Amino acid sequence: MDDAAGTGASGPEPNGADTTSTRPEREATYYRDYLGLDEILGAIRPVSRMADGKPAHDEHLFIVTHQAFELWFAQMLHELDAVLADLDRDPVPDTAMGQVVHRLERMVVIVPTLLSQFTVLETMTPLDFLDFRDELVPASGFQSAQFRLLENRLGLTASKRLKIQGAVYTSRLDARDAATVSEAEEGRSLRAVVDDWLARTPFVRLDGFDLWAAYGDAVRTMLDRDRRLIASNPSVDEVVRDQQLASFEQTEAAFATLLDRDRWDDLRAQGKRAFSHEAIRAALLIQLYRDQPALHLPFRLLVALVDLDTGMTAFRQAHARMVRRAIGARVGTGGTSGHAYLEAATSKHTVFGDLADLATFHLPRRELPALPEHVRQEMGFRYDAGGGGVGGGGAGASTS
């Protein structure tokens, strides 16, 4: 950390040439100034006043915690903007894929830090909160434009959002913030960019080999076996067997939808699925054959997307829990139904549910259709002794 506060002086170059005179001088960087601590710490401005004229003690904690949330949201948006810039290219450069995955995984790691801040905030008791709560109305975390911007850029659509007393979510924002988040609704989201990227996966269409016909045959063999096991299980009674068969029929219907483009497109038109049929089958291919070297990075990307979506849900759940602990069943300061609204949003405000559901369509490795040798070679890493480098599939090539 001390190294960040350098003097800016230039010494001789390693080759002995002194370039001090040719480099522009700058003021020495000082820690407080570099971090803008005067502005940051000066932004802790309590609005409450107790009987003794002093602010409520825990309002300081409340402000600091929410400011920290906003700083981490800013970092997540910074990472997401870079991911979108790299992934929204056709083709995506091979050299960009590592950075895309790295930045998504960084966003995933940030989420536990956000959750830990709720733990600190929950040291404030409900009575402590009541000391200053009324002074906050109508301000609310619901007005966090950065969090709404993050949701929109990830791919949460307006049609999936819960309304507030019949009004759209932007109705609780001021004109500037409403314009910012509305503009993001019209822009390219991570979900849309990933959909296009997946749809270009070359290994979905294999020369001389119909992967999906072979996969369909393997699925039907598995389902026939599972149905027989349920029907002949001597350890369950007729009621339980009927329940298991009913559940099994839902699984069969899910597989049928995956294998039939028209059925999938119907669900997508109804808003029950988000990803295109081409993209979801490519994602499944990546998951099923993730041991192939060319699919390592694409698989990590898919895992990061699901983990990020799960983390956002965990954030909403933690927020709902904290609100219930602080105000019970009261109406939130922003006019929502408080805990009830936040709890409902946890299950509805998701983006990558289609990817999370792909586990439904997994088969044991021993039952997967074997890939043709030439495809396996294209997905592998091959050392070219003549060229002295690594050839073959390459992680970026798999979906560019």
Protein backbone atom coordinates (compact mmCIF):
# COMPACT_ATOMS: atom_id res chain seq x y z
CA MET A 1 0.00 0.00 0.00
CA ASP A 2 2.83 2.38 0.78
CA ASP A 3 4.13 1.98 -2.77
CA ALA A 4 1.01 3.76 -4.07
CA ALA A 5 2.28 7.00 -2.58
CA GLY A 6 5.32 7.41 -4.83
CA THR A 7 7.17 10.62 -5.32
CA GLY A 8 6.95 10.67 -9.08
CA ALA A 9 10.72 11.18 -9.41
CA SER A 10 12.35 9.51 -12.40
CA GLY A 11 15.69 7.77 -11.97
CA PRO A 12 18.17 6.51 -14.56
CA GLU A 13 17.00 3.90 -17.01
CA PRO A 14 18.37 0.35 -16.61
CA ASN A 15 20.72 0.90 -19.56
CA GLY A 16 22.30 3.86 -17.83
CA ALA A 17 20.56 6.60 -19.84
CA ASP A 18 19.19 9.38 -17.66
CA THR A 19 15.77 10.45 -19.01
CA THR A 20 14.79 12.57 -16.02
CA SER A 21 14.91 15.79 -17.97
CA THR A 22 12.61 14.52 -20.72
CA ARG A 23 9.80 13.31 -18.46
CA PRO A 24 7.15 15.75 -17.26
CA GLU A 25 7.20 16.33 -13.53
CA ARG A 26 4.08 15.84 -11.47
CA GLU A 27 3.12 16.45 -7.90
CA ALA A 28 3.78 13.69 -5.44
CA THR A 29 0.77 11.43 -4.94
CA TYR A 30 -0.57 11.53 -1.38
CA TYR A 31 -2.71 8.71 0.00
CA ARG A 32 -5.64 10.85 1.19
CA ASP A 33 -5.80 12.83 -2.02
CA TYR A 34 -5.46 9.79 -4.28
CA LEU A 35 -8.44 8.09 -2.61
CA GLY A 36 -10.48 11.27 -2.28
CA LEU A 37 -10.90 10.63 1.43
CA ASP A 38 -11.93 14.20 2.18
CA GLU A 39 -14.89 13.84 -0.18
CA ILE A 40 -15.74 10.27 0.88
CA LEU A 41 -15.59 10.85 4.63
CA GLY A 42 -17.25 14.23 4.22
CA ALA A 43 -20.20 12.42 2.58
CA ILE A 44 -21.15 10.79 5.90
CA ARG A 45 -23.86 13.30 6.79
CA PRO A 46 -26.44 12.09 9.36
CA VAL A 47 -29.83 13.81 9.19
CA SER A 48 -31.24 12.75 12.55
CA ARG A 49 -31.19 14.73 15.77
CA MET A 50 -31.78 13.17 19.16
CA ALA A 51 -33.04 15.03 22.26
CA ASP A 52 -29.48 16.05 23.09
CA GLY A 53 -29.02 17.52 19.63
CA LYS A 54 -26.66 14.80 18.44
CA PRO A 55 -27.32 12.43 15.54
CA ALA A 56 -28.57 8.92 16.31
CA HIS A 57 -25.46 6.85 16.94
CA ASP A 58 -26.26 4.01 14.52
CA GLU A 59 -27.12 6.28 11.61
CA HIS A 60 -23.38 6.57 10.99
CA LEU A 61 -23.17 2.78 10.52
CA PHE A 62 -26.25 2.82 8.30
CA ILE A 63 -24.74 5.45 5.99
CA VAL A 64 -21.27 3.88 5.82
CA THR A 65 -22.67 0.43 5.02
CA HIS A 66 -24.87 1.69 2.19
CA GLN A 67 -22.07 3.81 0.78
CA ALA A 68 -19.90 0.68 0.75
CA PHE A 69 -22.66 -1.16 -1.11
CA GLU A 70 -22.66 1.55 -3.76
CA LEU A 71 -18.87 1.45 -4.14
CA TRP A 72 -19.00 -2.31 -4.73
CA PHE A 73 -21.88 -1.88 -7.19
CA ALA A 74 -19.66 0.60 -9.05
CA GLN A 75 -16.88 -1.99 -9.19
CA MET A 76 -19.25 -4.67 -10.48
CA LEU A 77 -20.51 -2.31 -13.18
CA HIS A 78 -16.90 -1.54 -14.10
CA GLU A 79 -16.19 -5.25 -14.56
CA LEU A 80 -19.47 -5.84 -16.39
CA ASP A 81 -18.86 -3.01 -18.85
CA ALA A 82 -15.50 -4.56 -19.77
CA VAL A 83 -17.08 -8.01 -20.17
CA LEU A 84 -19.78 -6.62 -22.45
CA ALA A 85 -17.24 -4.77 -24.58
CA ASP A 86 -15.18 -7.93 -25.11
CA LEU A 87 -17.96 -10.47 -25.47
CA ASP A 88 -20.14 -8.38 -27.76
CA ARG A 89 -17.80 -8.94 -30.72
CA ASP A 90 -18.03 -11.36 -33.62
CA PRO A 91 -15.77 -13.18 -33.41
CA VAL A 92 -14.61 -12.78 -29.82
CA PRO A 93 -10.79 -12.68 -29.86
CA ASP A 94 -9.26 -15.76 -28.26
CA THR A 95 -7.06 -13.54 -26.11
CA ALA A 96 -10.12 -11.79 -24.63
CA MET A 97 -11.81 -14.91 -23.27
CA GLY A 98 -9.53 -15.30 -20.27
CA GLN A 99 -10.21 -11.72 -19.21
CA VAL A 100 -13.95 -12.13 -19.69
CA VAL A 101 -14.03 -15.18 -17.42
CA HIS A 102 -11.66 -13.58 -14.91
CA ARG A 103 -13.83 -10.47 -14.58
CA LEU A 104 -17.06 -12.46 -14.22
CA GLU A 105 -15.45 -14.60 -11.54
CA ARG A 106 -14.31 -11.42 -9.77
CA MET A 107 -17.92 -10.22 -9.73
CA VAL A 108 -18.93 -13.54 -8.19
CA VAL A 109 -16.31 -13.11 -5.45
CA ILE A 110 -17.53 -9.59 -4.67
CA VAL A 111 -20.98 -10.88 -3.69
CA PRO A 112 -19.89 -12.50 -0.37
CA THR A 113 -18.35 -9.14 0.57
CA LEU A 114 -21.75 -7.52 0.01
CA LEU A 115 -23.42 -10.20 2.12
CA SER A 116 -20.93 -9.73 4.95
CA GLN A 117 -21.94 -6.08 5.16
CA PHE A 118 -25.48 -7.14 6.07
CA THR A 119 -23.97 -9.03 9.01
CA VAL A 120 -22.39 -5.81 10.25
CA LEU A 121 -25.56 -3.81 9.64
CA GLU A 122 -27.62 -6.35 11.60
CA THR A 123 -25.73 -5.38 14.76
CA MET A 124 -28.09 -2.38 14.66
CA THR A 125 -31.23 -3.32 16.60
CA PRO A 126 -34.77 -2.37 15.53
CA LEU A 127 -34.90 0.25 18.28
CA ASP A 128 -31.60 1.70 17.08
CA PHE A 129 -33.09 2.00 13.58
CA LEU A 130 -36.23 3.69 14.87
CA ASP A 131 -34.05 6.48 16.26
CA PHE A 132 -33.62 7.84 12.74
CA ARG A 133 -35.87 5.84 10.37
CA ASP A 134 -38.58 8.48 10.01
CA GLU A 135 -35.96 11.00 8.85
CA LEU A 136 -35.20 8.82 5.79
CA VAL A 137 -38.66 8.86 4.20
CA PRO A 138 -39.02 8.62 1.21
CA ALA A 139 -35.37 7.62 0.59
CA SER A 140 -34.90 3.89 0.19
CA GLY A 141 -32.40 1.34 -1.07
CA PHE A 142 -34.98 0.76 -3.79
CA GLN A 143 -33.71 4.03 -5.26
CA SER A 144 -30.22 2.63 -5.83
CA ALA A 145 -29.82 3.48 -9.51
CA GLN A 146 -26.56 1.52 -9.66
CA PHE A 147 -28.22 -1.69 -8.47
CA ARG A 148 -31.04 -1.24 -11.01
CA LEU A 149 -28.44 -0.51 -13.68
CA LEU A 150 -26.58 -3.69 -12.73
CA GLU A 151 -29.79 -5.71 -13.00
CA ASN A 152 -30.61 -4.23 -16.41
CA ARG A 153 -27.14 -4.77 -17.83
CA LEU A 154 -27.17 -8.36 -16.63
CA GLY A 155 -30.42 -8.86 -18.52
CA LEU A 156 -33.36 -8.44 -16.15
CA THR A 157 -36.22 -7.27 -18.35
CA ALA A 158 -38.96 -4.82 -17.43
CA SER A 159 -41.58 -7.52 -18.02
CA LYS A 160 -40.09 -9.67 -15.25
CA ARG A 161 -39.93 -6.88 -12.67
CA LEU A 162 -42.44 -6.63 -9.87
CA LYS A 163 -44.45 -3.43 -9.83
CA ILE A 164 -44.72 -1.11 -6.86
CA GLN A 165 -48.35 -0.40 -6.04
CA GLY A 166 -49.10 -0.89 -9.73
CA ALA A 167 -46.33 1.44 -10.91
CA VAL A 168 -43.09 0.63 -12.75
CA TYR A 169 -39.86 0.64 -10.78
CA THR A 170 -38.61 3.86 -12.39
CA SER A 171 -41.48 5.77 -10.76
CA ARG A 172 -39.49 5.80 -7.50
CA LEU A 173 -36.41 7.34 -9.13
CA ASP A 174 -35.66 10.95 -9.91
CA ALA A 175 -35.56 12.10 -13.53
CA ARG A 176 -31.80 11.63 -13.96
CA ASP A 177 -31.69 8.12 -12.48
CA ALA A 178 -34.86 7.06 -14.29
CA ALA A 179 -33.32 8.11 -17.61
CA THR A 180 -30.09 6.25 -16.86
CA VAL A 181 -31.70 2.91 -15.98
CA SER A 182 -34.27 3.18 -18.78
CA GLU A 183 -31.48 3.68 -21.30
CA ALA A 184 -29.84 0.50 -20.00
CA GLU A 185 -33.07 -1.40 -20.71
CA GLU A 186 -32.64 -0.55 -24.38
CA GLY A 187 -28.96 -1.45 -24.54
CA ARG A 188 -27.25 -4.81 -25.01
CA SER A 189 -27.41 -6.91 -21.87
CA LEU A 190 -25.06 -9.67 -20.78
CA ARG A 191 -27.80 -12.24 -21.30
CA ALA A 192 -28.34 -11.12 -24.90
CA VAL A 193 -24.61 -11.00 -25.62
CA VAL A 194 -24.06 -14.47 -24.14
CA ASP A 195 -26.99 -15.80 -26.18
CA ASP A 196 -25.39 -14.59 -29.42
CA TRP A 197 -21.98 -15.87 -28.35
CA LEU A 198 -23.33 -19.34 -27.55
CA ALA A 199 -25.34 -19.54 -30.76
CA ARG A 200 -22.09 -19.29 -32.73
CA THR A 201 -20.59 -22.40 -31.09
CA PRO A 202 -19.14 -24.38 -34.01
CA PHE A 203 -19.14 -27.83 -32.41
CA VAL A 204 -22.95 -27.97 -32.26
CA ARG A 205 -22.95 -28.88 -35.95
CA LEU A 206 -20.53 -31.74 -36.58
CA ASP A 207 -19.55 -32.98 -40.03
CA GLY A 208 -20.91 -36.47 -40.63
CA PHE A 209 -22.25 -36.86 -37.09
CA ASP A 210 -25.65 -35.84 -35.73
CA LEU A 211 -24.84 -35.17 -32.10
CA TRP A 212 -28.37 -34.27 -31.10
CA ALA A 213 -29.89 -37.37 -32.70
CA ALA A 214 -27.40 -39.47 -30.73
CA TYR A 215 -28.14 -37.47 -27.59
CA GLY A 216 -31.89 -37.97 -28.12
CA ASP A 217 -31.39 -41.74 -28.40
CA ALA A 218 -29.36 -41.73 -25.16
CA VAL A 219 -32.06 -39.69 -23.44
CA ARG A 220 -34.83 -42.06 -24.50
CA THR A 221 -32.82 -45.06 -23.28
CA MET A 222 -32.29 -43.36 -19.92
CA LEU A 223 -35.94 -42.33 -19.56
CA ASP A 224 -37.21 -45.82 -20.43
CA ARG A 225 -34.93 -47.28 -17.79
CA ASP A 226 -35.99 -44.73 -15.16
CA ARG A 227 -39.69 -45.30 -15.87
CA ARG A 228 -39.28 -49.05 -15.40
CA LEU A 229 -37.43 -48.50 -12.11
CA ILE A 230 -40.23 -46.32 -10.77
CA ALA A 231 -42.99 -48.68 -11.93
CA SER A 232 -41.32 -51.77 -10.46
CA ASN A 233 -40.03 -50.29 -7.19
CA PRO A 234 -41.37 -52.61 -4.45
CA SER A 235 -40.49 -50.22 -1.61
CA VAL A 236 -43.17 -47.60 -2.39
CA ASP A 237 -46.95 -47.79 -2.27
CA GLU A 238 -49.29 -46.92 -5.11
CA VAL A 239 -49.83 -43.32 -3.99
CA VAL A 240 -46.11 -42.57 -3.87
CA ARG A 241 -45.56 -44.37 -7.18
CA ASP A 242 -48.22 -42.23 -8.86
CA GLN A 243 -46.56 -39.10 -7.48
CA GLN A 244 -43.17 -40.21 -8.77
CA LEU A 245 -44.61 -41.04 -12.19
CA ALA A 246 -46.27 -37.62 -12.38
CA SER A 247 -42.93 -35.98 -11.58
CA PHE A 248 -41.21 -38.21 -14.11
CA GLU A 249 -43.64 -37.11 -16.82
CA GLN A 250 -42.62 -33.51 -16.17
CA THR A 251 -39.00 -34.53 -16.71
CA GLU A 252 -39.94 -36.25 -19.97
CA ALA A 253 -41.75 -33.11 -21.11
CA ALA A 254 -38.69 -31.00 -20.30
CA PHE A 255 -36.46 -33.22 -22.44
CA ALA A 256 -39.01 -33.15 -25.26
CA THR A 257 -38.96 -29.36 -25.18
CA LEU A 258 -35.18 -29.26 -25.34
CA LEU A 259 -35.12 -31.57 -28.35
CA ASP A 260 -37.89 -29.75 -30.21
CA ARG A 261 -37.13 -26.21 -31.39
CA ASP A 262 -40.81 -25.31 -31.88
CA ARG A 263 -41.72 -26.28 -28.33
CA TRP A 264 -38.79 -24.32 -26.95
CA ASP A 265 -39.68 -21.27 -29.03
CA ASP A 266 -43.28 -21.45 -27.77
CA LEU A 267 -42.08 -21.29 -24.17
CA ARG A 268 -39.78 -18.43 -25.08
CA ALA A 269 -42.66 -16.51 -26.65
CA GLN A 270 -44.60 -16.99 -23.40
CA GLY A 271 -41.71 -15.57 -21.39
CA LYS A 272 -41.00 -18.92 -19.71
CA ARG A 273 -37.60 -19.24 -21.34
CA ALA A 274 -35.06 -16.51 -22.13
CA PHE A 275 -32.29 -18.11 -24.19
CA SER A 276 -32.66 -19.12 -27.82
CA HIS A 277 -32.81 -22.81 -28.74
CA GLU A 278 -29.42 -22.60 -30.48
CA ALA A 279 -27.79 -21.00 -27.45
CA ILE A 280 -29.23 -23.36 -24.85
CA ARG A 281 -28.17 -26.45 -26.78
CA ALA A 282 -24.68 -24.99 -27.19
CA ALA A 283 -24.55 -24.34 -23.43
CA LEU A 284 -25.57 -27.95 -22.81
CA LEU A 285 -22.87 -29.17 -25.19
CA ILE A 286 -20.28 -27.13 -23.27
CA GLN A 287 -21.44 -28.59 -19.96
CA LEU A 288 -21.63 -32.19 -21.14
CA TYR A 289 -18.23 -32.14 -22.86
CA ARG A 290 -16.48 -29.68 -20.57
CA ASP A 291 -13.49 -32.02 -20.18
CA GLN A 292 -12.46 -31.17 -23.74
CA PRO A 293 -9.70 -28.52 -23.53
CA ALA A 294 -11.39 -26.09 -25.93
CA LEU A 295 -14.45 -25.98 -23.67
CA HIS A 296 -12.67 -25.31 -20.36
CA LEU A 297 -13.04 -21.52 -20.46
CA PRO A 298 -16.58 -21.55 -21.91
CA PHE A 299 -17.59 -23.90 -19.09
CA ARG A 300 -16.09 -21.60 -16.45
CA LEU A 301 -17.97 -18.71 -18.04
CA LEU A 302 -21.30 -20.55 -17.76
CA VAL A 303 -20.56 -21.47 -14.14
CA ALA A 304 -19.72 -17.84 -13.36
CA LEU A 305 -23.02 -16.64 -14.87
CA VAL A 306 -25.06 -19.05 -12.76
CA ASP A 307 -23.02 -18.24 -9.65
CA LEU A 308 -23.49 -14.52 -10.24
CA ASP A 309 -27.24 -14.94 -10.66
CA THR A 310 -27.34 -17.05 -7.50
CA GLY A 311 -25.31 -14.41 -5.70
CA MET A 312 -27.69 -11.65 -6.72
CA THR A 313 -30.56 -13.75 -5.40
CA ALA A 314 -28.67 -14.28 -2.13
CA PHE A 315 -28.17 -10.51 -1.89
CA ARG A 316 -31.89 -9.90 -2.30
CA GLN A 317 -32.68 -12.59 0.28
CA ALA A 318 -30.23 -11.08 2.77
CA HIS A 319 -31.75 -7.66 2.19
CA ALA A 320 -35.25 -9.03 2.75
CA ARG A 321 -34.12 -10.76 5.96
CA MET A 322 -32.50 -7.59 7.26
CA VAL A 323 -35.57 -5.49 6.50
CA ARG A 324 -37.86 -7.93 8.28
CA ARG A 325 -35.54 -7.94 11.27
CA ALA A 326 -35.44 -4.14 11.35
CA ILE A 327 -39.07 -3.15 10.66
CA GLY A 328 -41.13 -6.36 10.78
CA ALA A 329 -44.24 -6.08 8.60
CA ARG A 330 -44.16 -2.28 8.28
CA VAL A 331 -44.20 -0.49 4.92
CA GLY A 332 -40.71 0.34 3.65
CA THR A 333 -39.44 3.91 3.64
CA GLY A 334 -39.64 3.90 -0.16
CA GLY A 335 -43.34 3.01 -0.18
CA THR A 336 -43.03 -0.69 -1.00
CA SER A 337 -44.50 -3.45 1.14
CA GLY A 338 -41.11 -3.81 2.75
CA HIS A 339 -40.07 -7.38 3.45
CA ALA A 340 -42.92 -8.90 1.41
CA TYR A 341 -41.86 -7.06 -1.76
CA LEU A 342 -38.20 -7.94 -1.33
CA GLU A 343 -38.96 -11.59 -0.67
CA ALA A 344 -41.12 -11.83 -3.79
CA ALA A 345 -38.36 -10.27 -5.89
CA THR A 346 -35.83 -12.93 -4.87
CA SER A 347 -37.51 -15.64 -6.95
CA LYS A 348 -38.68 -13.45 -9.84
CA HIS A 349 -35.74 -11.16 -10.54
CA THR A 350 -33.40 -13.75 -12.03
CA VAL A 351 -31.59 -13.69 -15.37
CA PHE A 352 -29.77 -16.96 -16.00
CA GLY A 353 -32.36 -19.47 -14.84
CA ASP A 354 -32.20 -21.29 -18.19
CA LEU A 355 -28.52 -22.04 -17.57
CA ALA A 356 -29.18 -23.19 -14.01
CA ASP A 357 -31.87 -25.57 -15.31
CA LEU A 358 -29.42 -27.28 -17.68
CA ALA A 359 -28.58 -29.83 -14.98
CA THR A 360 -32.00 -31.31 -15.80
CA PHE A 361 -30.59 -32.47 -19.13
CA HIS A 362 -27.30 -33.95 -17.99
CA LEU A 363 -26.41 -37.55 -18.70
CA PRO A 364 -23.77 -39.67 -16.95
CA ARG A 365 -20.44 -39.48 -18.77
CA ARG A 366 -20.61 -43.17 -19.62
CA GLU A 367 -23.88 -42.59 -21.51
CA LEU A 368 -22.81 -39.52 -23.49
CA PRO A 369 -22.52 -40.00 -27.27
CA ALA A 370 -18.86 -40.40 -28.20
CA LEU A 371 -17.48 -37.52 -30.26
CA PRO A 372 -15.85 -38.31 -33.61
CA GLU A 373 -12.06 -38.39 -33.43
CA HIS A 374 -11.59 -35.38 -35.73
CA VAL A 375 -13.90 -33.32 -33.49
CA ARG A 376 -12.01 -34.37 -30.38
CA GLN A 377 -8.80 -33.29 -32.05
CA GLU A 378 -10.28 -29.89 -32.92
CA MET A 379 -11.34 -29.48 -29.29
CA GLY A 380 -7.91 -30.43 -27.97
CA PHE A 381 -4.54 -28.83 -27.44
CA ARG A 382 -1.96 -29.99 -29.97
CA TYR A 383 1.71 -29.12 -29.81
CA ASP A 384 3.18 -28.23 -33.17
CA ALA A 385 6.87 -29.10 -32.94
CA GLY A 386 7.63 -27.21 -36.14
CA GLY A 387 5.91 -24.01 -35.11
CA GLY A 388 6.88 -24.29 -31.47
CA GLY A 389 3.42 -23.36 -30.22
CA VAL A 390 0.11 -24.74 -29.11
CA GLY A 391 -2.49 -25.40 -31.77
CA GLY A 392 -5.94 -26.93 -31.86
CA GLY A 393 -9.26 -25.75 -30.54
CA GLY A 394 -8.42 -23.06 -28.07
CA ALA A 395 -10.96 -21.78 -25.55
CA GLY A 396 -11.97 -18.74 -27.54
CA ALA A 397 -12.29 -20.62 -30.81
CA SER A 398 -15.06 -22.79 -29.37
CA THR A 399 -17.58 -19.99 -29.43
CA SER A 400 -16.20 -17.40 -31.78
